[in-house]
């Protein structure tokens, strides 16, 4: 791809403190709060890559691996791992750090699909990406299989909506 840029060009970082209003009765952060952070950093990351506005097309996968508790620090990292004509797959990793013990652990891992849009809200082309590190190469090389899964999921959802719409009209 002649217009491809390194994955590192889109890399973004965010840090958040887990506060009591962000948590459930177990003093661990609400999953929805983590999802909001993931969506925000995916948007920032994809805007850096596309140099345009973006919209969230789908949150393709979210794996909540371990909890984060009140007082923990969340450290998010995101970068574009693959692209289509107007879409970008963004990998987001959320680590939690216990400030008392220093323990750091994977909290959440996610893939988000973002679409670049122009001033009129229409999809607009984005540059491709290429990996520079071993970790990036693994994510880049497995991108086509994730794309295939997303396509199958969209087809299944389309069929389901049609079936449900037909039932609603009866």
N, C-alpha and C. Protein backbone atom coordinates (compact mmCIF):
# COMPACT_ATOMS: atom_id res chain seq x y z
N UNK A 1 0.84 -1.18 0.00
CA UNK A 1 0.00 0.00 0.00
C UNK A 1 0.89 1.24 0.00
N UNK A 2 0.79 2.04 -1.02
CA UNK A 2 1.69 3.18 -1.15
C UNK A 2 1.39 4.28 -0.15
N UNK A 3 0.14 4.41 0.29
CA UNK A 3 -0.19 5.47 1.24
C UNK A 3 -0.21 4.98 2.68
N UNK A 4 0.33 3.78 2.93
CA UNK A 4 0.29 3.21 4.28
C UNK A 4 1.24 3.96 5.22
N UNK A 5 0.83 4.02 6.47
CA UNK A 5 1.61 4.67 7.51
C UNK A 5 1.87 3.66 8.63
N UNK A 6 2.90 3.89 9.44
CA UNK A 6 3.15 2.94 10.54
C UNK A 6 2.03 2.96 11.57
N UNK A 7 1.78 1.81 12.16
CA UNK A 7 0.76 1.71 13.21
C UNK A 7 1.05 2.68 14.34
N UNK A 8 2.31 2.89 14.63
CA UNK A 8 2.70 3.76 15.75
C UNK A 8 2.22 5.20 15.56
N UNK A 9 1.93 5.61 14.34
CA UNK A 9 1.48 6.97 14.09
C UNK A 9 0.14 7.26 14.77
N UNK A 10 -0.69 6.23 14.92
CA UNK A 10 -2.01 6.44 15.54
C UNK A 10 -2.03 6.13 17.04
N UNK A 11 -0.93 5.59 17.56
CA UNK A 11 -0.92 5.13 18.96
C UNK A 11 -1.33 6.26 19.90
N UNK A 12 -2.23 5.92 20.83
CA UNK A 12 -2.74 6.89 21.80
C UNK A 12 -2.74 6.26 23.18
N UNK A 13 -2.62 7.11 24.18
CA UNK A 13 -2.61 6.67 25.58
C UNK A 13 -3.56 7.54 26.39
N UNK A 14 -4.21 6.93 27.38
CA UNK A 14 -5.03 7.66 28.34
C UNK A 14 -4.82 7.04 29.72
N UNK A 15 -4.97 7.85 30.74
CA UNK A 15 -4.87 7.37 32.11
C UNK A 15 -6.08 7.88 32.87
N UNK A 16 -6.69 7.00 33.66
CA UNK A 16 -7.87 7.35 34.45
C UNK A 16 -7.71 6.77 35.85
N UNK A 17 -8.20 7.49 36.84
CA UNK A 17 -8.26 7.00 38.20
C UNK A 17 -9.65 6.41 38.43
N UNK A 18 -9.74 5.21 38.99
CA UNK A 18 -11.02 4.60 39.30
C UNK A 18 -11.55 5.24 40.58
N UNK A 19 -12.67 5.93 40.45
CA UNK A 19 -13.27 6.65 41.58
C UNK A 19 -14.56 5.96 42.03
N UNK A 20 -15.00 6.18 43.27
CA UNK A 20 -16.20 5.51 43.78
C UNK A 20 -17.44 5.63 42.90
N UNK A 21 -17.76 6.80 42.29
CA UNK A 21 -18.98 6.86 41.47
C UNK A 21 -18.91 5.98 40.20
N UNK A 22 -17.70 5.53 39.84
CA UNK A 22 -17.51 4.70 38.64
C UNK A 22 -17.64 3.21 38.93
N UNK A 23 -17.97 2.86 40.18
CA UNK A 23 -17.89 1.45 40.57
C UNK A 23 -19.24 0.89 41.04
N UNK A 24 -19.26 -0.44 41.09
CA UNK A 24 -20.44 -1.17 41.53
C UNK A 24 -20.35 -1.49 43.02
N UNK A 25 -21.24 -2.35 43.50
CA UNK A 25 -21.27 -2.70 44.92
C UNK A 25 -20.05 -3.49 45.38
N UNK A 26 -19.23 -3.96 44.44
CA UNK A 26 -18.00 -4.70 44.77
C UNK A 26 -16.78 -3.78 44.75
N UNK A 27 -17.03 -2.49 44.55
CA UNK A 27 -15.97 -1.48 44.43
C UNK A 27 -15.09 -1.68 43.20
N UNK A 28 -15.62 -2.44 42.21
CA UNK A 28 -14.90 -2.58 40.94
C UNK A 28 -15.60 -1.73 39.88
N UNK A 29 -14.83 -1.28 38.90
CA UNK A 29 -15.35 -0.35 37.90
C UNK A 29 -16.45 -1.00 37.07
N UNK A 30 -17.48 -0.22 36.77
CA UNK A 30 -18.55 -0.68 35.89
C UNK A 30 -17.98 -0.97 34.50
N UNK A 31 -18.42 -2.07 33.90
CA UNK A 31 -18.00 -2.39 32.54
C UNK A 31 -18.37 -1.30 31.55
N UNK A 32 -19.53 -0.66 31.76
CA UNK A 32 -19.96 0.41 30.87
C UNK A 32 -19.04 1.61 30.91
N UNK A 33 -18.45 1.88 32.07
CA UNK A 33 -17.49 2.98 32.19
C UNK A 33 -16.23 2.66 31.38
N UNK A 34 -15.78 1.42 31.48
CA UNK A 34 -14.61 0.98 30.71
C UNK A 34 -14.93 1.06 29.21
N UNK A 35 -16.15 0.65 28.82
CA UNK A 35 -16.55 0.74 27.41
C UNK A 35 -16.52 2.18 26.91
N UNK A 36 -16.95 3.12 27.73
CA UNK A 36 -16.92 4.53 27.34
C UNK A 36 -15.49 4.99 27.11
N UNK A 37 -14.57 4.58 28.00
CA UNK A 37 -13.15 4.92 27.82
C UNK A 37 -12.61 4.30 26.53
N UNK A 38 -12.99 3.05 26.26
CA UNK A 38 -12.54 2.35 25.05
C UNK A 38 -13.04 3.07 23.81
N UNK A 39 -14.32 3.44 23.80
CA UNK A 39 -14.89 4.13 22.64
C UNK A 39 -14.18 5.47 22.42
N UNK A 40 -13.92 6.19 23.50
CA UNK A 40 -13.26 7.49 23.38
C UNK A 40 -11.85 7.37 22.82
N UNK A 41 -11.04 6.46 23.36
CA UNK A 41 -9.67 6.35 22.87
C UNK A 41 -9.64 5.77 21.46
N UNK A 42 -10.59 4.90 21.11
CA UNK A 42 -10.66 4.38 19.73
C UNK A 42 -10.97 5.53 18.76
N UNK A 43 -11.85 6.44 19.17
CA UNK A 43 -12.17 7.59 18.32
C UNK A 43 -10.94 8.49 18.14
N UNK A 44 -10.26 8.80 19.23
CA UNK A 44 -9.07 9.65 19.15
C UNK A 44 -8.01 9.01 18.26
N UNK A 45 -7.78 7.72 18.46
CA UNK A 45 -6.78 6.98 17.70
C UNK A 45 -7.10 6.98 16.21
N UNK A 46 -8.35 6.71 15.87
CA UNK A 46 -8.73 6.65 14.46
C UNK A 46 -8.77 8.03 13.82
N UNK A 47 -9.09 9.07 14.59
CA UNK A 47 -9.04 10.44 14.05
C UNK A 47 -7.59 10.81 13.72
N UNK A 48 -6.66 10.41 14.58
CA UNK A 48 -5.25 10.67 14.29
C UNK A 48 -4.83 9.98 13.00
N UNK A 49 -5.31 8.76 12.80
CA UNK A 49 -4.95 8.00 11.60
C UNK A 49 -5.60 8.59 10.35
N UNK A 50 -6.89 8.84 10.42
CA UNK A 50 -7.64 9.27 9.24
C UNK A 50 -7.50 10.76 8.95
N UNK A 51 -7.10 11.51 9.97
CA UNK A 51 -7.04 12.98 9.85
C UNK A 51 -8.41 13.53 9.44
N UNK A 52 -9.45 12.94 10.04
CA UNK A 52 -10.83 13.36 9.78
C UNK A 52 -11.68 12.95 10.97
N UNK A 53 -12.95 13.33 10.90
CA UNK A 53 -13.90 12.86 11.89
C UNK A 53 -14.14 11.37 11.71
N UNK A 54 -14.67 10.74 12.73
CA UNK A 54 -14.96 9.31 12.68
C UNK A 54 -16.26 9.02 13.41
N UNK A 55 -16.81 7.85 13.14
CA UNK A 55 -17.94 7.32 13.90
C UNK A 55 -17.62 5.88 14.27
N UNK A 56 -18.19 5.43 15.37
CA UNK A 56 -18.03 4.05 15.79
C UNK A 56 -18.97 3.18 14.97
N UNK A 57 -18.42 2.21 14.25
CA UNK A 57 -19.25 1.28 13.48
C UNK A 57 -19.65 0.10 14.36
N UNK A 58 -18.70 -0.42 15.12
CA UNK A 58 -19.01 -1.52 16.03
C UNK A 58 -17.90 -1.70 17.05
N UNK A 59 -18.31 -2.19 18.20
CA UNK A 59 -17.33 -2.68 19.17
C UNK A 59 -17.34 -4.18 18.95
N UNK A 60 -16.31 -4.65 18.27
CA UNK A 60 -16.29 -6.02 17.75
C UNK A 60 -16.10 -7.06 18.83
N UNK A 61 -15.26 -6.76 19.78
CA UNK A 61 -15.06 -7.70 20.88
C UNK A 61 -14.59 -6.92 22.09
N UNK A 62 -15.02 -7.39 23.24
CA UNK A 62 -14.56 -6.84 24.51
C UNK A 62 -14.36 -8.02 25.44
N UNK A 63 -13.16 -8.16 25.93
CA UNK A 63 -12.86 -9.21 26.90
C UNK A 63 -12.49 -8.55 28.21
N UNK A 64 -13.37 -8.71 29.21
CA UNK A 64 -13.08 -8.22 30.55
C UNK A 64 -12.28 -9.32 31.24
N UNK A 65 -11.00 -9.10 31.42
CA UNK A 65 -10.08 -10.13 31.89
C UNK A 65 -9.97 -10.14 33.41
N UNK A 66 -9.88 -8.96 34.01
CA UNK A 66 -9.78 -8.86 35.47
C UNK A 66 -10.36 -7.52 35.91
N UNK A 67 -10.81 -7.45 37.17
CA UNK A 67 -11.43 -6.20 37.64
C UNK A 67 -10.40 -5.13 37.99
N UNK A 68 -10.87 -3.90 37.98
CA UNK A 68 -10.10 -2.77 38.51
C UNK A 68 -10.94 -2.18 39.63
N UNK A 69 -10.28 -1.77 40.70
CA UNK A 69 -10.98 -1.34 41.90
C UNK A 69 -10.76 0.14 42.20
N UNK A 70 -11.61 0.67 43.09
CA UNK A 70 -11.47 2.06 43.53
C UNK A 70 -10.01 2.29 43.93
N UNK A 71 -9.46 3.37 43.41
CA UNK A 71 -8.07 3.72 43.71
C UNK A 71 -7.08 3.21 42.70
N UNK A 72 -7.48 2.22 41.87
CA UNK A 72 -6.58 1.74 40.82
C UNK A 72 -6.45 2.79 39.72
N UNK A 73 -5.37 2.72 39.00
CA UNK A 73 -5.16 3.59 37.85
C UNK A 73 -5.37 2.73 36.60
N UNK A 74 -6.18 3.22 35.67
CA UNK A 74 -6.37 2.53 34.38
C UNK A 74 -5.46 3.19 33.36
N UNK A 75 -4.74 2.37 32.62
CA UNK A 75 -3.85 2.86 31.57
C UNK A 75 -4.31 2.22 30.26
N UNK A 76 -4.82 3.06 29.35
CA UNK A 76 -5.31 2.58 28.07
C UNK A 76 -4.29 2.87 26.98
N UNK A 77 -4.15 1.92 26.08
CA UNK A 77 -3.31 2.08 24.89
C UNK A 77 -4.13 1.63 23.70
N UNK A 78 -4.06 2.38 22.61
CA UNK A 78 -4.81 2.01 21.40
C UNK A 78 -4.02 2.38 20.17
N UNK A 79 -4.22 1.60 19.09
CA UNK A 79 -3.64 1.93 17.79
C UNK A 79 -4.40 1.20 16.70
N UNK A 80 -4.34 1.75 15.49
CA UNK A 80 -5.02 1.16 14.33
C UNK A 80 -4.21 -0.06 13.90
N UNK A 81 -4.89 -1.21 13.79
CA UNK A 81 -4.21 -2.45 13.44
C UNK A 81 -4.46 -2.91 12.01
N UNK A 82 -5.56 -2.45 11.41
CA UNK A 82 -5.82 -2.75 10.00
C UNK A 82 -6.85 -1.77 9.48
N UNK A 83 -6.93 -1.67 8.17
CA UNK A 83 -7.86 -0.72 7.56
C UNK A 83 -8.57 -1.36 6.38
N UNK A 84 -9.74 -0.81 6.09
CA UNK A 84 -10.45 -1.10 4.86
C UNK A 84 -10.37 0.15 4.01
N UNK A 85 -11.33 0.35 3.14
CA UNK A 85 -11.32 1.56 2.32
C UNK A 85 -11.60 2.80 3.18
N UNK A 86 -12.63 2.71 4.04
CA UNK A 86 -12.99 3.85 4.89
C UNK A 86 -13.00 3.47 6.37
N UNK A 87 -12.77 2.21 6.68
CA UNK A 87 -12.85 1.74 8.06
C UNK A 87 -11.48 1.43 8.65
N UNK A 88 -11.44 1.46 9.96
CA UNK A 88 -10.22 1.17 10.70
C UNK A 88 -10.54 0.24 11.86
N UNK A 89 -9.74 -0.78 12.04
CA UNK A 89 -9.84 -1.63 13.21
C UNK A 89 -8.86 -1.06 14.24
N UNK A 90 -9.36 -0.79 15.44
CA UNK A 90 -8.54 -0.23 16.50
C UNK A 90 -8.45 -1.25 17.63
N UNK A 91 -7.22 -1.56 18.03
CA UNK A 91 -6.97 -2.43 19.16
C UNK A 91 -6.83 -1.55 20.40
N UNK A 92 -7.55 -1.91 21.46
CA UNK A 92 -7.47 -1.16 22.72
C UNK A 92 -7.14 -2.14 23.85
N UNK A 93 -6.12 -1.79 24.59
CA UNK A 93 -5.71 -2.59 25.75
C UNK A 93 -5.82 -1.72 26.99
N UNK A 94 -6.49 -2.25 28.03
CA UNK A 94 -6.66 -1.52 29.29
C UNK A 94 -5.92 -2.30 30.38
N UNK A 95 -4.96 -1.64 30.99
CA UNK A 95 -4.22 -2.22 32.11
C UNK A 95 -4.64 -1.50 33.38
N UNK A 96 -4.68 -2.22 34.50
CA UNK A 96 -4.93 -1.55 35.77
C UNK A 96 -3.67 -1.65 36.62
N UNK A 97 -3.46 -0.60 37.39
CA UNK A 97 -2.29 -0.54 38.26
C UNK A 97 -2.76 -0.23 39.67
N UNK A 98 -2.39 -1.11 40.61
CA UNK A 98 -2.68 -0.87 42.02
C UNK A 98 -1.59 0.06 42.55
N UNK A 99 -1.99 1.25 43.00
CA UNK A 99 -0.97 2.23 43.38
C UNK A 99 -0.25 1.85 44.67
N UNK A 100 -0.87 1.02 45.51
CA UNK A 100 -0.23 0.63 46.77
C UNK A 100 0.81 -0.47 46.56
N UNK A 101 0.45 -1.47 45.72
CA UNK A 101 1.35 -2.61 45.53
C UNK A 101 2.20 -2.49 44.26
N UNK A 102 1.77 -1.64 43.33
CA UNK A 102 2.48 -1.52 42.06
C UNK A 102 2.08 -2.59 41.06
N UNK A 103 1.23 -3.56 41.50
CA UNK A 103 0.82 -4.63 40.60
C UNK A 103 0.11 -4.05 39.38
N UNK A 104 0.49 -4.56 38.21
CA UNK A 104 -0.11 -4.13 36.95
C UNK A 104 -0.67 -5.37 36.27
N UNK A 105 -1.93 -5.27 35.80
CA UNK A 105 -2.53 -6.44 35.15
C UNK A 105 -3.45 -6.01 34.02
N UNK A 106 -3.61 -6.92 33.07
CA UNK A 106 -4.54 -6.69 31.96
C UNK A 106 -5.95 -6.72 32.52
N UNK A 107 -6.70 -5.66 32.26
CA UNK A 107 -8.08 -5.56 32.71
C UNK A 107 -9.05 -5.87 31.58
N UNK A 108 -8.82 -5.24 30.42
CA UNK A 108 -9.75 -5.37 29.30
C UNK A 108 -8.98 -5.28 27.99
N UNK A 109 -9.45 -6.03 27.00
CA UNK A 109 -8.89 -6.00 25.66
C UNK A 109 -10.05 -5.91 24.68
N UNK A 110 -9.90 -5.07 23.65
CA UNK A 110 -11.03 -4.84 22.75
C UNK A 110 -10.55 -4.51 21.34
N UNK A 111 -11.42 -4.84 20.38
CA UNK A 111 -11.25 -4.40 18.99
C UNK A 111 -12.49 -3.60 18.63
N UNK A 112 -12.27 -2.41 18.06
CA UNK A 112 -13.34 -1.50 17.70
C UNK A 112 -13.19 -1.14 16.23
N UNK A 113 -14.30 -1.09 15.49
CA UNK A 113 -14.25 -0.65 14.10
C UNK A 113 -14.80 0.77 14.02
N UNK A 114 -13.98 1.65 13.47
CA UNK A 114 -14.33 3.05 13.29
C UNK A 114 -14.37 3.35 11.80
N UNK A 115 -15.22 4.29 11.39
CA UNK A 115 -15.32 4.70 9.99
C UNK A 115 -15.02 6.18 9.90
N UNK A 116 -14.12 6.53 8.97
CA UNK A 116 -13.78 7.93 8.75
C UNK A 116 -14.91 8.60 7.97
N UNK A 117 -15.23 9.84 8.36
CA UNK A 117 -16.28 10.57 7.65
C UNK A 117 -15.77 11.97 7.27
N UNK A 118 -16.33 12.49 6.18
CA UNK A 118 -15.98 13.84 5.73
C UNK A 118 -16.91 14.85 6.39
N UNK A 119 -16.80 16.12 5.97
CA UNK A 119 -17.59 17.19 6.58
C UNK A 119 -19.09 16.99 6.43
N UNK A 120 -19.51 16.26 5.39
CA UNK A 120 -20.95 16.03 5.18
C UNK A 120 -21.43 14.72 5.82
N UNK A 121 -20.54 14.06 6.56
CA UNK A 121 -20.92 12.84 7.25
C UNK A 121 -20.85 11.59 6.39
N UNK A 122 -20.25 11.70 5.22
CA UNK A 122 -20.13 10.54 4.31
C UNK A 122 -18.79 9.85 4.56
N UNK A 123 -18.76 8.50 4.44
CA UNK A 123 -17.49 7.79 4.60
C UNK A 123 -16.42 8.31 3.64
N UNK A 124 -15.20 8.39 4.13
CA UNK A 124 -14.09 8.90 3.33
C UNK A 124 -12.89 7.96 3.45
N UNK A 125 -12.11 7.80 2.39
CA UNK A 125 -10.99 6.85 2.41
C UNK A 125 -9.93 7.17 3.47
N UNK A 126 -9.29 6.11 3.95
CA UNK A 126 -8.22 6.22 4.95
C UNK A 126 -6.96 5.54 4.42
N UNK A 127 -5.80 5.98 4.91
CA UNK A 127 -4.57 5.29 4.51
C UNK A 127 -4.48 3.92 5.16
N UNK A 128 -3.69 3.07 4.57
CA UNK A 128 -3.43 1.76 5.15
C UNK A 128 -2.44 1.88 6.30
N UNK A 129 -2.12 0.76 6.93
CA UNK A 129 -1.14 0.72 8.02
C UNK A 129 -0.16 -0.40 7.78
N UNK A 130 1.00 -0.28 8.41
CA UNK A 130 1.95 -1.38 8.42
C UNK A 130 2.58 -1.49 9.81
N UNK A 131 2.91 -2.72 10.20
CA UNK A 131 3.46 -2.96 11.54
C UNK A 131 4.97 -2.69 11.58
N UNK A 132 5.45 -2.37 12.77
CA UNK A 132 6.89 -2.18 12.98
C UNK A 132 7.45 -3.09 14.08
N UNK A 133 6.59 -3.52 15.01
CA UNK A 133 7.06 -4.36 16.12
C UNK A 133 6.46 -5.77 15.97
N UNK A 134 6.97 -6.71 16.75
CA UNK A 134 6.43 -8.07 16.71
C UNK A 134 4.97 -8.10 17.15
N UNK A 135 4.64 -7.35 18.19
CA UNK A 135 3.25 -7.30 18.67
C UNK A 135 2.34 -6.74 17.59
N UNK A 136 2.77 -5.66 16.94
CA UNK A 136 1.98 -5.07 15.86
C UNK A 136 1.83 -6.05 14.70
N UNK A 137 2.91 -6.77 14.38
CA UNK A 137 2.87 -7.73 13.28
C UNK A 137 1.85 -8.83 13.56
N UNK A 138 1.80 -9.32 14.79
CA UNK A 138 0.82 -10.37 15.15
C UNK A 138 -0.60 -9.85 14.97
N UNK A 139 -0.85 -8.64 15.43
CA UNK A 139 -2.19 -8.06 15.28
C UNK A 139 -2.51 -7.80 13.81
N UNK A 140 -1.54 -7.34 13.05
CA UNK A 140 -1.74 -7.06 11.63
C UNK A 140 -2.02 -8.35 10.86
N UNK A 141 -1.23 -9.39 11.14
CA UNK A 141 -1.38 -10.67 10.42
C UNK A 141 -2.70 -11.37 10.72
N UNK A 142 -3.25 -11.15 11.91
CA UNK A 142 -4.52 -11.79 12.27
C UNK A 142 -5.73 -10.92 11.92
N UNK A 143 -5.48 -9.73 11.38
CA UNK A 143 -6.55 -8.82 11.00
C UNK A 143 -7.54 -9.40 10.00
N UNK A 144 -7.06 -10.06 8.92
CA UNK A 144 -8.02 -10.62 7.95
C UNK A 144 -9.00 -11.63 8.55
N UNK A 145 -8.55 -12.42 9.51
CA UNK A 145 -9.49 -13.39 10.12
C UNK A 145 -10.53 -12.66 10.97
N UNK A 146 -10.13 -11.60 11.65
CA UNK A 146 -11.12 -10.82 12.41
C UNK A 146 -12.10 -10.13 11.46
N UNK A 147 -11.59 -9.66 10.33
CA UNK A 147 -12.46 -9.01 9.33
C UNK A 147 -13.50 -10.01 8.81
N UNK A 148 -13.07 -11.23 8.57
CA UNK A 148 -13.98 -12.28 8.09
C UNK A 148 -15.08 -12.55 9.13
N UNK A 149 -14.70 -12.60 10.40
CA UNK A 149 -15.68 -12.80 11.48
C UNK A 149 -16.66 -11.64 11.55
N UNK A 150 -16.15 -10.40 11.41
CA UNK A 150 -17.04 -9.22 11.44
C UNK A 150 -18.04 -9.28 10.30
N UNK A 151 -17.58 -9.67 9.12
CA UNK A 151 -18.47 -9.74 7.95
C UNK A 151 -19.57 -10.78 8.17
N UNK A 152 -19.19 -11.94 8.69
CA UNK A 152 -20.18 -12.99 8.97
C UNK A 152 -21.18 -12.52 10.04
N UNK A 153 -20.68 -11.82 11.05
CA UNK A 153 -21.55 -11.30 12.11
C UNK A 153 -22.54 -10.29 11.54
N UNK A 154 -22.07 -9.41 10.65
CA UNK A 154 -22.97 -8.42 10.03
C UNK A 154 -24.05 -9.11 9.20
N UNK A 155 -23.67 -10.15 8.45
CA UNK A 155 -24.64 -10.89 7.64
C UNK A 155 -25.68 -11.55 8.53
N UNK A 156 -25.23 -12.17 9.62
CA UNK A 156 -26.16 -12.81 10.56
C UNK A 156 -27.11 -11.79 11.17
N UNK A 157 -26.58 -10.63 11.54
CA UNK A 157 -27.40 -9.58 12.13
C UNK A 157 -28.42 -9.06 11.12
N UNK A 158 -28.01 -8.93 9.88
CA UNK A 158 -28.92 -8.45 8.83
C UNK A 158 -30.08 -9.44 8.65
N UNK A 159 -29.75 -10.73 8.59
CA UNK A 159 -30.78 -11.77 8.45
C UNK A 159 -31.73 -11.75 9.66
N UNK A 160 -31.17 -11.60 10.84
CA UNK A 160 -31.98 -11.58 12.07
C UNK A 160 -32.93 -10.38 12.06
N UNK A 161 -32.42 -9.20 11.68
CA UNK A 161 -33.27 -8.01 11.63
C UNK A 161 -34.40 -8.17 10.62
N UNK A 162 -34.08 -8.76 9.47
CA UNK A 162 -35.12 -8.97 8.46
C UNK A 162 -36.19 -9.91 8.99
N UNK A 163 -35.77 -10.97 9.64
CA UNK A 163 -36.72 -11.94 10.20
C UNK A 163 -37.60 -11.28 11.27
N UNK A 164 -36.98 -10.52 12.15
CA UNK A 164 -37.74 -9.86 13.21
C UNK A 164 -38.66 -8.77 12.63
N UNK A 165 -38.19 -8.05 11.63
CA UNK A 165 -39.04 -7.04 10.99
C UNK A 165 -40.25 -7.69 10.34
N UNK A 166 -40.04 -8.85 9.70
CA UNK A 166 -41.16 -9.56 9.07
C UNK A 166 -42.16 -10.02 10.13
N UNK A 167 -41.66 -10.51 11.27
CA UNK A 167 -42.55 -10.93 12.35
C UNK A 167 -43.32 -9.75 12.92
N UNK A 168 -42.66 -8.60 13.04
CA UNK A 168 -43.33 -7.41 13.59
C UNK A 168 -44.44 -6.92 12.66
N UNK A 169 -44.31 -7.15 11.38
CA UNK A 169 -45.31 -6.68 10.40
C UNK A 169 -46.50 -7.60 10.30
N UNK A 170 -46.42 -8.77 10.90
CA UNK A 170 -47.53 -9.74 10.83
C UNK A 170 -48.55 -9.51 11.89
